[in-house]
């Protein structure tokens, strides 16, 4: 099995030091602990969602992983409606609809809540895994430059003539989760690659999810595998490109070293695995 010299870590919603301990397999195990992971963000409850209202109730019932911003001025809801593929809900104060994403099917549409008071919330539904936000088309130069929620938020912001710089993240189903972390490993040659992950036992983990990608190939049925501790979590055939789902506590339990791996057959093709965690750090 081939091992790279490093793993790419994206802690898009964490803060401070890297909270989940990651060990680079190439360095001989524990002697190569990664302690920090670039720019990080907290999971922050939106101000408008901290008081009881019909808007708060709606999002708490429907929304899961979300990105949001207040643009600092009132919004013309008629303009917001032009961005939607489908209008899902409409009141005098807000509108909700689905936004199509470039190159993706309707099942990947981002839902978007727009309030006349300036709030925009792009989200996936409460039952959908955090791993769904990964758009592998934005993997470039060892970096995930955007995710699906960002793309949906930007489309709405562009239509409204508003900047969405400084947007924050929140998960409406996990109000006590204060951080989320995404860890990505990729492979562009035949073989397999992996990273090890240990979740501290003092953390409360609300969700463990994954995304698995294999670039389409015309060369026959040579599957790509996502495995944890040698157990196959997902298989992608030549007819598939991206899959995502949730993990059980047993599959990624705290206090233990787990090995997450991705495999592929052809050089020049991109294979990727993402592990996403939503958790409360003491």
C-alpha atoms as a PDB file:
ATOM      1  CA  UNK A   1       0.000   0.000   0.000  1.00  0.00           C
ATOM      2  CA  UNK A   2       1.294   3.403  -0.975  1.00  0.00           C
ATOM      3  CA  UNK A   3       1.454   6.172   1.668  1.00  0.00           C
ATOM      4  CA  UNK A   4       1.899   9.848   0.886  1.00  0.00           C
ATOM      5  CA  UNK A   5       4.051  12.255   2.812  1.00  0.00           C
ATOM      6  CA  UNK A   6       1.089  14.134   4.249  1.00  0.00           C
ATOM      7  CA  UNK A   7      -2.647  14.547   4.543  1.00  0.00           C
ATOM      8  CA  UNK A   8      -4.706  17.616   3.757  1.00  0.00           C
ATOM      9  CA  UNK A   9      -6.712  18.923   6.681  1.00  0.00           C
ATOM     10  CA  UNK A  10      -9.592  21.354   6.385  1.00  0.00           C
ATOM     11  CA  UNK A  11     -10.985  22.410   9.753  1.00  0.00           C
ATOM     12  CA  UNK A  12     -13.553  24.720   8.162  1.00  0.00           C
ATOM     13  CA  UNK A  13     -15.635  25.056  11.268  1.00  0.00           C
ATOM     14  CA  UNK A  14     -13.255  24.528  14.165  1.00  0.00           C
ATOM     15  CA  UNK A  15     -11.317  26.992  16.278  1.00  0.00           C
ATOM     16  CA  UNK A  16      -7.837  27.106  17.796  1.00  0.00           C
ATOM     17  CA  UNK A  17      -5.683  24.000  17.925  1.00  0.00           C
ATOM     18  CA  UNK A  18      -6.682  20.964  15.921  1.00  0.00           C
ATOM     19  CA  UNK A  19      -9.078  19.126  18.181  1.00  0.00           C
ATOM     20  CA  UNK A  20      -9.035  15.691  16.611  1.00  0.00           C
ATOM     21  CA  UNK A  21      -5.599  14.128  16.700  1.00  0.00           C
ATOM     22  CA  UNK A  22      -4.320  13.092  13.270  1.00  0.00           C
ATOM     23  CA  UNK A  23      -1.300  10.925  12.638  1.00  0.00           C
ATOM     24  CA  UNK A  24       0.503  10.835   9.302  1.00  0.00           C
ATOM     25  CA  UNK A  25       1.107   7.204   8.346  1.00  0.00           C
ATOM     26  CA  UNK A  26       4.244   8.061   6.395  1.00  0.00           C
ATOM     27  CA  UNK A  27       6.104   9.373   9.419  1.00  0.00           C
ATOM     28  CA  UNK A  28       6.172   6.228  11.487  1.00  0.00           C
ATOM     29  CA  UNK A  29       3.035   6.834  13.533  1.00  0.00           C
ATOM     30  CA  UNK A  30       2.830   9.083  16.558  1.00  0.00           C
ATOM     31  CA  UNK A  31       6.057  10.983  15.916  1.00  0.00           C
ATOM     32  CA  UNK A  32       4.341  13.132  13.294  1.00  0.00           C
ATOM     33  CA  UNK A  33       1.340  14.621  15.073  1.00  0.00           C
ATOM     34  CA  UNK A  34      -0.392  17.512  13.331  1.00  0.00           C
ATOM     35  CA  UNK A  35      -1.272  20.185  15.891  1.00  0.00           C
ATOM     36  CA  UNK A  36      -2.840  22.960  13.821  1.00  0.00           C
ATOM     37  CA  UNK A  37      -4.968  23.158  10.683  1.00  0.00           C
ATOM     38  CA  UNK A  38      -5.048  26.554   9.004  1.00  0.00           C
ATOM     39  CA  UNK A  39      -7.993  28.928   9.191  1.00  0.00           C
ATOM     40  CA  UNK A  40     -10.777  27.795  11.497  1.00  0.00           C
ATOM     41  CA  UNK A  41     -14.309  28.877  12.409  1.00  0.00           C
ATOM     42  CA  UNK A  42     -16.768  28.251  15.204  1.00  0.00           C
ATOM     43  CA  UNK A  43     -20.285  26.923  14.812  1.00  0.00           C
ATOM     44  CA  UNK A  44     -22.267  29.995  15.866  1.00  0.00           C
ATOM     45  CA  UNK A  45     -26.010  30.245  16.453  1.00  0.00           C
ATOM     46  CA  UNK A  46     -27.497  33.089  14.346  1.00  0.00           C
ATOM     47  CA  UNK A  47     -28.785  35.993  16.430  1.00  0.00           C
ATOM     48  CA  UNK A  48     -32.251  35.826  14.889  1.00  0.00           C
ATOM     49  CA  UNK A  49     -32.492  32.124  15.768  1.00  0.00           C
ATOM     50  CA  UNK A  50     -31.923  32.792  19.466  1.00  0.00           C
ATOM     51  CA  UNK A  51     -35.473  34.073  20.005  1.00  0.00           C
ATOM     52  CA  UNK A  52     -38.753  32.280  19.488  1.00  0.00           C
ATOM     53  CA  UNK A  53     -40.356  33.103  16.132  1.00  0.00           C
ATOM     54  CA  UNK A  54     -41.938  31.407  13.160  1.00  0.00           C
ATOM     55  CA  UNK A  55     -38.638  31.757  11.263  1.00  0.00           C
ATOM     56  CA  UNK A  56     -36.696  30.102  14.079  1.00  0.00           C
ATOM     57  CA  UNK A  57     -39.212  27.288  14.362  1.00  0.00           C
ATOM     58  CA  UNK A  58     -39.110  26.633  10.628  1.00  0.00           C
ATOM     59  CA  UNK A  59     -35.323  26.383  10.454  1.00  0.00           C
ATOM     60  CA  UNK A  60     -35.036  24.299  13.615  1.00  0.00           C
ATOM     61  CA  UNK A  61     -37.440  21.785  12.117  1.00  0.00           C
ATOM     62  CA  UNK A  62     -36.017  21.701   8.591  1.00  0.00           C
ATOM     63  CA  UNK A  63     -32.384  22.825   8.452  1.00  0.00           C
ATOM     64  CA  UNK A  64     -29.206  20.901   9.171  1.00  0.00           C
ATOM     65  CA  UNK A  65     -25.723  22.057   8.221  1.00  0.00           C
ATOM     66  CA  UNK A  66     -25.942  25.743   7.287  1.00  0.00           C
ATOM     67  CA  UNK A  67     -24.005  28.838   6.297  1.00  0.00           C
ATOM     68  CA  UNK A  68     -25.513  32.264   6.955  1.00  0.00           C
ATOM     69  CA  UNK A  69     -24.980  36.009   6.865  1.00  0.00           C
ATOM     70  CA  UNK A  70     -26.845  39.251   7.409  1.00  0.00           C
ATOM     71  CA  UNK A  71     -26.056  41.632   4.546  1.00  0.00           C
ATOM     72  CA  UNK A  72     -26.810  44.705   6.636  1.00  0.00           C
ATOM     73  CA  UNK A  73     -29.798  45.997   4.678  1.00  0.00           C
ATOM     74  CA  UNK A  74     -33.304  44.998   3.732  1.00  0.00           C
ATOM     75  CA  UNK A  75     -33.834  42.447   0.946  1.00  0.00           C
ATOM     76  CA  UNK A  76     -36.321  42.537  -1.896  1.00  0.00           C
ATOM     77  CA  UNK A  77     -37.825  39.055  -1.690  1.00  0.00           C
ATOM     78  CA  UNK A  78     -39.022  39.273  -5.303  1.00  0.00           C
ATOM     79  CA  UNK A  79     -35.376  39.448  -6.417  1.00  0.00           C
ATOM     80  CA  UNK A  80     -34.402  36.554  -4.140  1.00  0.00           C
ATOM     81  CA  UNK A  81     -37.103  34.392  -5.718  1.00  0.00           C
ATOM     82  CA  UNK A  82     -35.480  34.699  -9.148  1.00  0.00           C
ATOM     83  CA  UNK A  83     -32.505  32.637  -7.910  1.00  0.00           C
ATOM     84  CA  UNK A  84     -34.539  29.580  -6.946  1.00  0.00           C
ATOM     85  CA  UNK A  85     -35.016  26.518  -9.087  1.00  0.00           C
ATOM     86  CA  UNK A  86     -38.097  25.777  -6.965  1.00  0.00           C
ATOM     87  CA  UNK A  87     -39.919  28.000  -4.465  1.00  0.00           C
ATOM     88  CA  UNK A  88     -40.652  25.915  -1.362  1.00  0.00           C
ATOM     89  CA  UNK A  89     -42.215  28.405   1.080  1.00  0.00           C
ATOM     90  CA  UNK A  90     -43.239  32.032   0.935  1.00  0.00           C
ATOM     91  CA  UNK A  91     -44.484  34.484   3.567  1.00  0.00           C
ATOM     92  CA  UNK A  92     -44.566  38.263   3.848  1.00  0.00           C
ATOM     93  CA  UNK A  93     -41.297  38.174   5.816  1.00  0.00           C
ATOM     94  CA  UNK A  94     -39.243  35.437   4.144  1.00  0.00           C
ATOM     95  CA  UNK A  95     -39.017  33.037   1.266  1.00  0.00           C
ATOM     96  CA  UNK A  96     -37.417  29.594   0.934  1.00  0.00           C
ATOM     97  CA  UNK A  97     -36.363  27.763  -2.191  1.00  0.00           C
ATOM     98  CA  UNK A  98     -33.812  25.426  -3.737  1.00  0.00           C
ATOM     99  CA  UNK A  99     -30.775  26.714  -5.628  1.00  0.00           C
ATOM    100  CA  UNK A 100     -29.215  24.706  -8.461  1.00  0.00           C
ATOM    101  CA  UNK A 101     -25.462  24.149  -8.262  1.00  0.00           C
ATOM    102  CA  UNK A 102     -23.182  24.161 -11.347  1.00  0.00           C
ATOM    103  CA  UNK A 103     -22.703  20.711 -12.869  1.00  0.00           C
ATOM    104  CA  UNK A 104     -24.728  18.902 -10.188  1.00  0.00           C
ATOM    105  CA  UNK A 105     -28.100  17.164 -10.237  1.00  0.00           C
ATOM    106  CA  UNK A 106     -31.267  18.511  -8.650  1.00  0.00           C
ATOM    107  CA  UNK A 107     -30.752  16.220  -5.648  1.00  0.00           C
ATOM    108  CA  UNK A 108     -27.698  18.324  -4.728  1.00  0.00           C
ATOM    109  CA  UNK A 109     -29.616  21.630  -4.703  1.00  0.00           C
ATOM    110  CA  UNK A 110     -28.955  23.843  -1.693  1.00  0.00           C
ATOM    111  CA  UNK A 111     -31.969  25.146   0.185  1.00  0.00           C
ATOM    112  CA  UNK A 112     -31.966  28.863   0.907  1.00  0.00           C
ATOM    113  CA  UNK A 113     -33.898  30.956   3.438  1.00  0.00           C
ATOM    114  CA  UNK A 114     -34.010  34.708   2.725  1.00  0.00           C
ATOM    115  CA  UNK A 115     -35.545  37.179   5.201  1.00  0.00           C
ATOM    116  CA  UNK A 116     -36.510  40.732   4.304  1.00  0.00           C
ATOM    117  CA  UNK A 117     -34.447  41.983   7.283  1.00  0.00           C
ATOM    118  CA  UNK A 118     -31.213  40.958   5.566  1.00  0.00           C
ATOM    119  CA  UNK A 119     -30.674  37.343   6.605  1.00  0.00           C
ATOM    120  CA  UNK A 120     -29.606  34.687   4.108  1.00  0.00           C
ATOM    121  CA  UNK A 121     -29.229  31.048   5.239  1.00  0.00           C
ATOM    122  CA  UNK A 122     -28.072  28.348   2.800  1.00  0.00           C
ATOM    123  CA  UNK A 123     -28.519  24.845   4.174  1.00  0.00           C
ATOM    124  CA  UNK A 124     -29.066  21.149   3.654  1.00  0.00           C
ATOM    125  CA  UNK A 125     -31.959  19.343   5.305  1.00  0.00           C
ATOM    126  CA  UNK A 126     -31.763  18.141   8.887  1.00  0.00           C
ATOM    127  CA  UNK A 127     -31.408  14.448   7.965  1.00  0.00           C
ATOM    128  CA  UNK A 128     -28.665  15.001   5.374  1.00  0.00           C
ATOM    129  CA  UNK A 129     -25.050  14.313   6.419  1.00  0.00           C
ATOM    130  CA  UNK A 130     -22.479  17.082   6.736  1.00  0.00           C
ATOM    131  CA  UNK A 131     -20.381  15.210   4.163  1.00  0.00           C
ATOM    132  CA  UNK A 132     -22.897  16.266   1.503  1.00  0.00           C
ATOM    133  CA  UNK A 133     -21.462  19.810   1.482  1.00  0.00           C
ATOM    134  CA  UNK A 134     -18.232  18.596  -0.176  1.00  0.00           C
ATOM    135  CA  UNK A 135     -18.034  19.480  -3.870  1.00  0.00           C
ATOM    136  CA  UNK A 136     -14.987  17.713  -5.278  1.00  0.00           C
ATOM    137  CA  UNK A 137     -15.046  19.957  -8.356  1.00  0.00           C
ATOM    138  CA  UNK A 138     -13.557  22.618  -6.068  1.00  0.00           C
ATOM    139  CA  UNK A 139     -10.609  20.467  -5.026  1.00  0.00           C
ATOM    140  CA  UNK A 140      -7.612  22.210  -6.574  1.00  0.00           C
ATOM    141  CA  UNK A 141      -3.927  22.342  -5.715  1.00  0.00           C
ATOM    142  CA  UNK A 142      -4.369  20.404  -2.495  1.00  0.00           C
ATOM    143  CA  UNK A 143      -7.147  22.701  -1.268  1.00  0.00           C
ATOM    144  CA  UNK A 144     -10.927  22.562  -1.134  1.00  0.00           C
ATOM    145  CA  UNK A 145     -11.585  26.137  -2.266  1.00  0.00           C
ATOM    146  CA  UNK A 146     -15.381  26.079  -1.778  1.00  0.00           C
ATOM    147  CA  UNK A 147     -18.175  23.830  -0.593  1.00  0.00           C
ATOM    148  CA  UNK A 148     -21.745  23.506  -1.882  1.00  0.00           C
ATOM    149  CA  UNK A 149     -23.243  25.735   0.800  1.00  0.00           C
ATOM    150  CA  UNK A 150     -20.790  28.507  -0.054  1.00  0.00           C
ATOM    151  CA  UNK A 151     -21.668  28.251  -3.741  1.00  0.00           C
ATOM    152  CA  UNK A 152     -25.391  28.494  -3.002  1.00  0.00           C
ATOM    153  CA  UNK A 153     -24.901  31.457  -0.672  1.00  0.00           C
ATOM    154  CA  UNK A 154     -22.745  33.246  -3.253  1.00  0.00           C
ATOM    155  CA  UNK A 155     -25.375  32.761  -5.970  1.00  0.00           C
ATOM    156  CA  UNK A 156     -27.980  34.426  -3.788  1.00  0.00           C
ATOM    157  CA  UNK A 157     -25.584  37.179  -2.724  1.00  0.00           C
ATOM    158  CA  UNK A 158     -24.643  37.925  -6.322  1.00  0.00           C
ATOM    159  CA  UNK A 159     -28.294  38.245  -7.353  1.00  0.00           C
ATOM    160  CA  UNK A 160     -28.923  40.652  -4.483  1.00  0.00           C
ATOM    161  CA  UNK A 161     -25.755  42.635  -5.147  1.00  0.00           C
ATOM    162  CA  UNK A 162     -24.472  41.780  -1.681  1.00  0.00           C
ATOM    163  CA  UNK A 163     -21.138  40.532  -0.382  1.00  0.00           C
ATOM    164  CA  UNK A 164     -21.250  37.295   1.616  1.00  0.00           C
ATOM    165  CA  UNK A 165     -17.725  37.636   2.980  1.00  0.00           C
ATOM    166  CA  UNK A 166     -17.648  36.787   6.665  1.00  0.00           C
ATOM    167  CA  UNK A 167     -20.444  34.213   6.538  1.00  0.00           C
ATOM    168  CA  UNK A 168     -20.651  31.818   9.498  1.00  0.00           C
ATOM    169  CA  UNK A 169     -21.682  28.204   9.950  1.00  0.00           C
ATOM    170  CA  UNK A 170     -24.216  26.520  12.205  1.00  0.00           C
ATOM    171  CA  UNK A 171     -25.992  23.165  12.479  1.00  0.00           C
ATOM    172  CA  UNK A 172     -29.625  23.649  13.471  1.00  0.00           C
ATOM    173  CA  UNK A 173     -29.986  20.055  14.711  1.00  0.00           C
ATOM    174  CA  UNK A 174     -26.946  20.220  16.998  1.00  0.00           C
ATOM    175  CA  UNK A 175     -27.330  23.456  18.998  1.00  0.00           C
ATOM    176  CA  UNK A 176     -24.678  22.367  21.517  1.00  0.00           C
ATOM    177  CA  UNK A 177     -22.057  21.567  18.872  1.00  0.00           C
ATOM    178  CA  UNK A 178     -19.487  24.365  18.878  1.00  0.00           C
ATOM    179  CA  UNK A 179     -17.142  23.012  16.225  1.00  0.00           C
ATOM    180  CA  UNK A 180     -17.053  20.964  13.062  1.00  0.00           C
ATOM    181  CA  UNK A 181     -14.043  19.504  11.331  1.00  0.00           C
ATOM    182  CA  UNK A 182     -13.507  18.172   7.835  1.00  0.00           C
ATOM    183  CA  UNK A 183     -10.480  15.994   7.025  1.00  0.00           C
ATOM    184  CA  UNK A 184      -9.697  15.198   3.394  1.00  0.00           C
ATOM    185  CA  UNK A 185      -7.318  12.652   1.853  1.00  0.00           C
ATOM    186  CA  UNK A 186      -6.839  12.333  -1.909  1.00  0.00           C
ATOM    187  CA  UNK A 187      -5.064  10.009  -4.298  1.00  0.00           C
ATOM    188  CA  UNK A 188      -4.100  10.591  -7.948  1.00  0.00           C
ATOM    189  CA  UNK A 189      -2.165   7.392  -8.635  1.00  0.00           C
ATOM    190  CA  UNK A 190      -3.161   3.753  -8.493  1.00  0.00           C
ATOM    191  CA  UNK A 191      -3.089   2.234  -5.012  1.00  0.00           C
ATOM    192  CA  UNK A 192      -4.369   3.439  -1.654  1.00  0.00           C
ATOM    193  CA  UNK A 193      -3.729   6.214   0.848  1.00  0.00           C
ATOM    194  CA  UNK A 194      -4.878   6.806   4.390  1.00  0.00           C
ATOM    195  CA  UNK A 195      -4.743   8.824   7.586  1.00  0.00           C
ATOM    196  CA  UNK A 196      -5.273   7.903  11.231  1.00  0.00           C
ATOM    197  CA  UNK A 197      -7.706   9.733  13.470  1.00  0.00           C
ATOM    198  CA  UNK A 198      -8.319   9.613  17.213  1.00  0.00           C
ATOM    199  CA  UNK A 199     -11.284  11.415  18.780  1.00  0.00           C
ATOM    200  CA  UNK A 200     -10.600  12.468  22.397  1.00  0.00           C
ATOM    201  CA  UNK A 201     -13.016  10.784  24.802  1.00  0.00           C
ATOM    202  CA  UNK A 202     -13.896  14.086  26.472  1.00  0.00           C
ATOM    203  CA  UNK A 203     -15.489  15.385  23.261  1.00  0.00           C
ATOM    204  CA  UNK A 204     -19.220  14.990  22.626  1.00  0.00           C
ATOM    205  CA  UNK A 205     -19.597  14.035  18.957  1.00  0.00           C
ATOM    206  CA  UNK A 206     -23.017  14.677  17.443  1.00  0.00           C
ATOM    207  CA  UNK A 207     -22.322  13.501  13.902  1.00  0.00           C
ATOM    208  CA  UNK A 208     -19.756  11.452  12.069  1.00  0.00           C
ATOM    209  CA  UNK A 209     -20.161  11.508   8.301  1.00  0.00           C
ATOM    210  CA  UNK A 210     -18.203  10.925   5.100  1.00  0.00           C
ATOM    211  CA  UNK A 211     -17.899  11.827   1.432  1.00  0.00           C
ATOM    212  CA  UNK A 212     -16.262   9.549  -1.140  1.00  0.00           C
ATOM    213  CA  UNK A 213     -15.253  10.566  -4.660  1.00  0.00           C
ATOM    214  CA  UNK A 214     -13.894   8.720  -7.688  1.00  0.00           C
ATOM    215  CA  UNK A 215     -13.366  10.489 -10.991  1.00  0.00           C
ATOM    216  CA  UNK A 216     -15.211   8.794 -13.836  1.00  0.00           C
ATOM    217  CA  UNK A 217     -13.221   6.353 -15.949  1.00  0.00           C
ATOM    218  CA  UNK A 218     -14.068   4.583 -19.197  1.00  0.00           C
ATOM    219  CA  UNK A 219     -11.789   1.634 -18.554  1.00  0.00           C
ATOM    220  CA  UNK A 220     -14.238  -0.845 -17.092  1.00  0.00           C
ATOM    221  CA  UNK A 221     -15.530  -1.740 -13.664  1.00  0.00           C
ATOM    222  CA  UNK A 222     -12.605  -0.996 -11.351  1.00  0.00           C
ATOM    223  CA  UNK A 223     -14.123   0.231  -8.077  1.00  0.00           C
ATOM    224  CA  UNK A 224     -12.779   2.706  -5.555  1.00  0.00           C
ATOM    225  CA  UNK A 225     -13.145   1.858  -1.862  1.00  0.00           C
ATOM    226  CA  UNK A 226     -13.582   3.941   1.254  1.00  0.00           C
ATOM    227  CA  UNK A 227     -12.548   1.900   4.277  1.00  0.00           C
ATOM    228  CA  UNK A 228     -12.253   2.481   8.001  1.00  0.00           C
ATOM    229  CA  UNK A 229     -10.044   0.058   9.903  1.00  0.00           C
ATOM    230  CA  UNK A 230     -10.095  -2.231   6.874  1.00  0.00           C
ATOM    231  CA  UNK A 231     -13.896  -2.402   6.752  1.00  0.00           C
ATOM    232  CA  UNK A 232     -15.523  -1.203   3.532  1.00  0.00           C
ATOM    233  CA  UNK A 233     -17.816   1.762   4.155  1.00  0.00           C
ATOM    234  CA  UNK A 234     -18.547   2.589   0.509  1.00  0.00           C
ATOM    235  CA  UNK A 235     -17.725   1.374  -2.984  1.00  0.00           C
ATOM    236  CA  UNK A 236     -17.867   3.562  -6.111  1.00  0.00           C
ATOM    237  CA  UNK A 237     -18.105   1.911  -9.524  1.00  0.00           C
ATOM    238  CA  UNK A 238     -17.486   3.475 -12.929  1.00  0.00           C
ATOM    239  CA  UNK A 239     -21.107   4.655 -13.072  1.00  0.00           C
ATOM    240  CA  UNK A 240     -20.771   6.722  -9.894  1.00  0.00           C
ATOM    241  CA  UNK A 241     -18.672   9.694  -8.855  1.00  0.00           C
ATOM    242  CA  UNK A 242     -19.682  10.970  -5.412  1.00  0.00           C
ATOM    243  CA  UNK A 243     -21.388   9.339  -2.454  1.00  0.00           C
ATOM    244  CA  UNK A 244     -21.865  10.449   1.151  1.00  0.00           C
ATOM    245  CA  UNK A 245     -23.396   9.114   4.361  1.00  0.00           C
ATOM    246  CA  UNK A 246     -23.160   8.866   8.116  1.00  0.00           C
ATOM    247  CA  UNK A 247     -21.005   6.711  10.369  1.00  0.00           C
ATOM    248  CA  UNK A 248     -21.989   4.958  13.575  1.00  0.00           C
ATOM    249  CA  UNK A 249     -20.246   5.421  16.909  1.00  0.00           C
ATOM    250  CA  UNK A 250     -18.836   1.901  16.552  1.00  0.00           C
ATOM    251  CA  UNK A 251     -17.276   2.760  13.186  1.00  0.00           C
ATOM    252  CA  UNK A 252     -15.510   5.858  14.539  1.00  0.00           C
ATOM    253  CA  UNK A 253     -15.474   5.500  18.298  1.00  0.00           C
ATOM    254  CA  UNK A 254     -13.666   7.897  20.667  1.00  0.00           C
ATOM    255  CA  UNK A 255     -10.418   7.044  22.397  1.00  0.00           C
ATOM    256  CA  UNK A 256      -9.215   4.708  19.639  1.00  0.00           C
ATOM    257  CA  UNK A 257      -6.931   5.125  16.638  1.00  0.00           C
ATOM    258  CA  UNK A 258      -8.921   4.597  13.437  1.00  0.00           C
ATOM    259  CA  UNK A 259      -7.476   4.337   9.931  1.00  0.00           C
ATOM    260  CA  UNK A 260      -9.455   5.981   7.119  1.00  0.00           C
ATOM    261  CA  UNK A 261      -8.369   4.992   3.604  1.00  0.00           C
ATOM    262  CA  UNK A 262      -9.279   5.571  -0.028  1.00  0.00           C
ATOM    263  CA  UNK A 263      -8.171   3.452  -2.983  1.00  0.00           C
ATOM    264  CA  UNK A 264      -8.151   3.831  -6.747  1.00  0.00           C
ATOM    265  CA  UNK A 265      -6.854   2.053  -9.825  1.00  0.00           C
ATOM    266  CA  UNK A 266      -5.708   4.579 -12.419  1.00  0.00           C
ATOM    267  CA  UNK A 267      -3.033   7.254 -12.328  1.00  0.00           C
ATOM    268  CA  UNK A 268      -4.196  10.709 -13.356  1.00  0.00           C
ATOM    269  CA  UNK A 269      -7.644  10.188 -11.823  1.00  0.00           C
ATOM    270  CA  UNK A 270      -8.712  11.851  -8.590  1.00  0.00           C
ATOM    271  CA  UNK A 271      -9.934   9.708  -5.709  1.00  0.00           C
ATOM    272  CA  UNK A 272     -10.921  11.331  -2.439  1.00  0.00           C
ATOM    273  CA  UNK A 273     -12.278  10.666   1.018  1.00  0.00           C
ATOM    274  CA  UNK A 274     -13.632  13.143   3.549  1.00  0.00           C
ATOM    275  CA  UNK A 275     -14.474  12.587   7.194  1.00  0.00           C
ATOM    276  CA  UNK A 276     -16.680  15.239   8.824  1.00  0.00           C
ATOM    277  CA  UNK A 277     -17.293  15.630  12.556  1.00  0.00           C
ATOM    278  CA  UNK A 278     -19.699  17.922  14.411  1.00  0.00           C
ATOM    279  CA  UNK A 279     -18.856  18.033  18.099  1.00  0.00           C
ATOM    280  CA  UNK A 280     -18.686  19.947  21.351  1.00  0.00           C
ATOM    281  CA  UNK A 281     -15.219  20.595  22.655  1.00  0.00           C
ATOM    282  CA  UNK A 282     -15.096  21.247  26.424  1.00  0.00           C
END
